[in-house]
Every structure is written in C-alpha cells, then in structure tokens.
C-alpha cells in the first residue's frame, strides 16, 4: 500500500492542480495545445491523495475551468449540455480505480498487473460514462444508436488512452526516480 506524508500529498495535490489549470484542453491558459491531463489527474488523485476532498476540489476546478472558458475565453459551449453531469461518474471511475490500485501498490515489477487492471478498468468506465453520456444524452446527436456509438468509441477512445498513457508514463518515471533517491538517501543515513 502506498503511504505518503501529508506534506507529500499536499505537494502532489498542488502539482495536479497546476497540471489541470495548464492542460485543460480548451481554456484560456492552455499551453499551445498541450493534451488535457484531466483523466490522469483524477486517477493520480485516487492513487496519491488519501482524502476524498481533493476529488471534489478537482471536479469543481474542472467545472470552473470549463465555465470560464465558455463565458470569458471565447470557447464554444458545445459540450456544456445536460450530459455534462456524466463527467461526475466518469471521473469517479478513474478516482476509484486509482484508490483500488493504491491498496495494491508495491515498489516491484509485480505492481504492473494491478496497475494495468486499474488503468484499463478506469479508462473504459470513464469513456463509457463521458462519451456515452454525451452521445446519448447531450441532445447534440439527432438520432442515436449503439452501432454508431461503437464507431465513435473506436474512433476517439484510443486518443484518450494515448494521452492518459503519456501522463502515466511521466508519473511512473518521476515516482520511480523519487523512490530510488529516497532509498539511496535512507541507505546512506543508515550506513553513516
């Protein structure tokens, strides 16, 4: 199980807030089309942050960034429909699968299996809630059917997976680097 100090959790939480502010794909502070890290942020919050409150904070922040983008940033409100409510279970899916993985984490190669299971499950549920919610309940699609939704899923889901894996890879490298530094520091202190 992954156990972090409060200071570490606060630091990670602040980094995730900044990451969301700078990468939320359509708002005024985006860094030249940097991929939206929202899905990864909710997963990482589940992994690294013990409390439930950060989840609510990240959801509120994502909503506020979308609101600001459409009201003051000149971004189209095409996605702000009654289906927007489906983002809540979509993000909960990522957060909960992150929590599930946290309980199974260990700094060993064997952690790759539960990490893979949690990522695949979280991404699939998130896409079904967010994409399915928009497709079936936004009112933007004149005639909906499961075949066309399946085609949309095949077309767009790999792009979300690619973005998530990009951020996950960066997090794995940073996490591994920090653990190795910590282990080296602890072994030097024990020897000295």
Protein backbone atom coordinates (compact mmCIF):
# COMPACT_ATOMS: atom_id res chain seq x y z
CA UNK A 1 0.00 0.00 0.00
CA UNK A 2 1.20 3.49 -0.84
CA UNK A 3 1.52 5.68 2.25
CA UNK A 4 2.60 9.30 1.84
CA UNK A 5 3.14 12.07 4.36
CA UNK A 6 0.66 14.94 4.48
CA UNK A 7 3.39 17.22 3.09
CA UNK A 8 3.93 14.91 0.12
CA UNK A 9 0.20 14.70 -0.51
CA UNK A 10 -0.14 18.49 -0.43
CA UNK A 11 2.78 18.86 -2.85
CA UNK A 12 1.30 16.28 -5.23
CA UNK A 13 -2.14 17.87 -4.93
CA UNK A 14 -0.76 21.30 -5.83
CA UNK A 15 1.13 19.86 -8.80
CA UNK A 16 -2.04 18.18 -10.01
CA UNK A 17 -3.97 21.47 -9.67
CA UNK A 18 -1.35 23.25 -11.78
CA UNK A 19 -1.38 20.43 -14.31
CA UNK A 20 -5.15 20.75 -14.67
CA UNK A 21 -5.01 24.52 -14.99
CA UNK A 22 -2.38 24.37 -17.71
CA UNK A 23 -3.70 21.41 -19.68
CA UNK A 24 -7.49 21.58 -19.56
CA UNK A 25 -7.71 21.38 -23.32
CA UNK A 26 -9.92 24.28 -24.20
CA UNK A 27 -9.49 27.09 -21.74
CA UNK A 28 -7.55 30.31 -21.98
CA UNK A 29 -4.44 29.15 -20.06
CA UNK A 30 -3.65 26.16 -22.29
CA UNK A 31 -0.02 25.79 -23.28
CA UNK A 32 -0.15 25.56 -27.07
CA UNK A 33 -2.39 22.51 -27.40
CA UNK A 34 -0.90 20.52 -24.54
CA UNK A 35 -3.01 17.38 -24.09
CA UNK A 36 -5.71 17.53 -21.41
CA UNK A 37 -4.47 15.71 -18.31
CA UNK A 38 -7.84 15.61 -16.53
CA UNK A 39 -8.33 11.86 -16.77
CA UNK A 40 -4.84 11.19 -15.46
CA UNK A 41 -5.28 13.77 -12.70
CA UNK A 42 -8.35 12.04 -11.30
CA UNK A 43 -6.57 8.68 -11.40
CA UNK A 44 -3.44 10.11 -9.72
CA UNK A 45 -5.59 11.80 -7.06
CA UNK A 46 -7.03 8.37 -6.25
CA UNK A 47 -3.56 6.86 -6.04
CA UNK A 48 -1.68 9.54 -4.14
CA UNK A 49 -4.20 11.51 -2.06
CA UNK A 50 -5.84 9.83 0.92
CA UNK A 51 -8.82 12.12 1.41
CA UNK A 52 -11.96 12.30 -0.71
CA UNK A 53 -11.96 16.11 -0.59
CA UNK A 54 -9.37 16.54 -3.34
CA UNK A 55 -11.67 14.64 -5.71
CA UNK A 56 -14.41 17.19 -5.09
CA UNK A 57 -11.90 20.00 -5.47
CA UNK A 58 -10.64 18.69 -8.80
CA UNK A 59 -14.18 18.21 -10.08
CA UNK A 60 -15.05 21.76 -9.05
CA UNK A 61 -11.87 23.09 -10.66
CA UNK A 62 -12.59 21.26 -13.92
CA UNK A 63 -16.14 22.64 -13.96
CA UNK A 64 -14.91 26.17 -13.22
CA UNK A 65 -12.27 25.99 -15.97
CA UNK A 66 -14.93 24.86 -18.46
CA UNK A 67 -17.30 27.60 -17.29
CA UNK A 68 -14.56 30.26 -17.55
CA UNK A 69 -13.53 29.05 -20.99
CA UNK A 70 -17.04 29.27 -22.38
CA UNK A 71 -18.06 32.51 -20.66
CA UNK A 72 -14.84 34.54 -20.84
CA UNK A 73 -12.44 32.62 -23.04
CA UNK A 74 -14.43 32.53 -26.25
CA UNK A 75 -14.64 28.73 -26.33
CA UNK A 76 -17.75 27.08 -27.76
CA UNK A 77 -20.22 25.72 -25.23
CA UNK A 78 -20.99 22.72 -27.49
CA UNK A 79 -20.03 20.23 -24.76
CA UNK A 80 -21.88 22.01 -21.95
CA UNK A 81 -25.14 20.12 -22.13
CA UNK A 82 -27.27 18.18 -19.63
CA UNK A 83 -24.85 15.29 -20.33
CA UNK A 84 -22.11 17.23 -18.51
CA UNK A 85 -23.36 15.54 -15.33
CA UNK A 86 -21.96 12.25 -16.69
CA UNK A 87 -18.47 13.59 -16.08
CA UNK A 88 -19.05 13.01 -12.37
CA UNK A 89 -19.33 9.19 -12.62
CA UNK A 90 -16.65 9.23 -15.33
CA UNK A 91 -14.15 10.95 -13.04
CA UNK A 92 -15.28 8.88 -10.04
CA UNK A 93 -14.41 5.76 -12.06
CA UNK A 94 -10.84 6.97 -12.52
CA UNK A 95 -10.51 8.08 -8.91
CA UNK A 96 -11.88 4.80 -7.53
CA UNK A 97 -9.66 2.65 -9.75
CA UNK A 98 -6.73 4.78 -8.58
CA UNK A 99 -7.76 4.06 -4.98
CA UNK A 100 -8.04 0.35 -5.78
CA UNK A 101 -4.52 0.36 -7.20
CA UNK A 102 -3.18 2.31 -4.22
CA UNK A 103 -4.18 -0.55 -1.90
CA UNK A 104 -2.23 -3.00 -4.10
CA UNK A 105 0.81 -0.83 -4.79
CA UNK A 106 4.29 -2.04 -4.04
CA UNK A 107 7.60 -0.87 -5.45
CA UNK A 108 8.17 -4.03 -7.50
CA UNK A 109 7.60 -5.31 -11.03
CA UNK A 110 4.56 -7.23 -9.79
CA UNK A 111 2.75 -3.91 -9.38
CA UNK A 112 2.35 -3.70 -13.16
CA UNK A 113 -0.53 -6.19 -13.21
CA UNK A 114 -2.79 -4.35 -10.73
CA UNK A 115 -1.75 -1.03 -12.30
CA UNK A 116 -2.77 -2.32 -15.74
CA UNK A 117 -6.07 -3.67 -14.43
CA UNK A 118 -6.91 -0.39 -12.70
CA UNK A 119 -5.94 1.72 -15.72
CA UNK A 120 -7.89 -0.39 -18.22
CA UNK A 121 -10.96 -0.52 -15.97
CA UNK A 122 -10.83 3.18 -15.11
CA UNK A 123 -10.33 4.33 -18.68
CA UNK A 124 -13.07 2.08 -20.04
CA UNK A 125 -15.63 3.16 -17.44
CA UNK A 126 -14.65 6.81 -17.83
CA UNK A 127 -15.08 6.67 -21.61
CA UNK A 128 -18.42 4.86 -21.35
CA UNK A 129 -19.77 7.45 -18.91
CA UNK A 130 -18.34 10.56 -20.57
CA UNK A 131 -18.58 9.56 -24.23
CA UNK A 132 -21.78 7.57 -23.80
CA UNK A 133 -23.37 10.27 -21.68
CA UNK A 134 -22.62 12.89 -24.31
CA UNK A 135 -23.64 10.70 -27.23
CA UNK A 136 -26.96 9.59 -25.79
CA UNK A 137 -28.00 12.48 -23.52
CA UNK A 138 -26.48 15.72 -24.82
CA UNK A 139 -29.16 16.40 -27.39
CA UNK A 140 -26.40 17.15 -29.92
CA UNK A 141 -26.78 13.84 -31.79
CA UNK A 142 -30.05 13.76 -33.75
CA UNK A 143 -30.51 10.00 -33.93
CA UNK A 144 -28.54 7.77 -31.62
CA UNK A 145 -27.89 4.07 -31.95
CA UNK A 146 -25.44 1.63 -30.40
CA UNK A 147 -23.69 0.83 -33.69
CA UNK A 148 -22.79 4.47 -34.31
CA UNK A 149 -21.78 4.88 -30.66
CA UNK A 150 -19.48 1.87 -31.09
CA UNK A 151 -17.91 3.53 -34.13
CA UNK A 152 -17.40 6.74 -32.17
CA UNK A 153 -15.88 4.75 -29.34
CA UNK A 154 -13.42 3.03 -31.69
CA UNK A 155 -12.54 6.37 -33.29
CA UNK A 156 -11.98 8.51 -30.17
CA UNK A 157 -11.16 6.19 -27.26
CA UNK A 158 -7.59 5.40 -28.45
CA UNK A 159 -6.80 9.15 -28.40
CA UNK A 160 -7.84 9.37 -24.74
CA UNK A 161 -5.86 6.23 -23.91
CA UNK A 162 -2.78 7.64 -25.65
CA UNK A 163 -2.99 10.89 -23.68
CA UNK A 164 -3.53 9.03 -20.40
CA UNK A 165 -0.59 6.70 -21.03
CA UNK A 166 1.60 9.71 -21.85
CA UNK A 167 0.91 11.28 -18.44
CA UNK A 168 1.05 7.91 -16.67
CA UNK A 169 4.49 7.25 -18.17
CA UNK A 170 5.78 10.59 -16.91
CA UNK A 171 4.35 9.88 -13.45
CA UNK A 172 5.91 6.39 -13.35
CA UNK A 173 9.33 7.80 -14.24
CA UNK A 174 9.10 10.57 -11.62
CA UNK A 175 7.72 8.18 -8.99
CA UNK A 176 10.49 5.63 -9.65
CA UNK A 177 13.19 8.32 -9.60
CA UNK A 178 11.95 9.71 -6.27
CA UNK A 179 11.72 6.25 -4.68
CA UNK A 180 15.26 5.37 -5.79
CA UNK A 181 16.59 8.67 -4.44
CA UNK A 182 14.76 8.09 -1.16
CA UNK A 183 16.15 4.55 -0.86
CA UNK A 184 19.67 5.79 -1.58
CA UNK A 185 19.31 8.58 0.98
CA UNK A 186 18.00 6.16 3.62
CA UNK A 187 20.80 3.64 2.98
CA UNK A 188 23.41 6.41 3.23
CA UNK A 189 21.92 7.59 6.54
CA UNK A 190 21.82 4.03 7.91
CA UNK A 191 25.45 3.45 6.94
CA UNK A 192 26.65 6.79 8.33
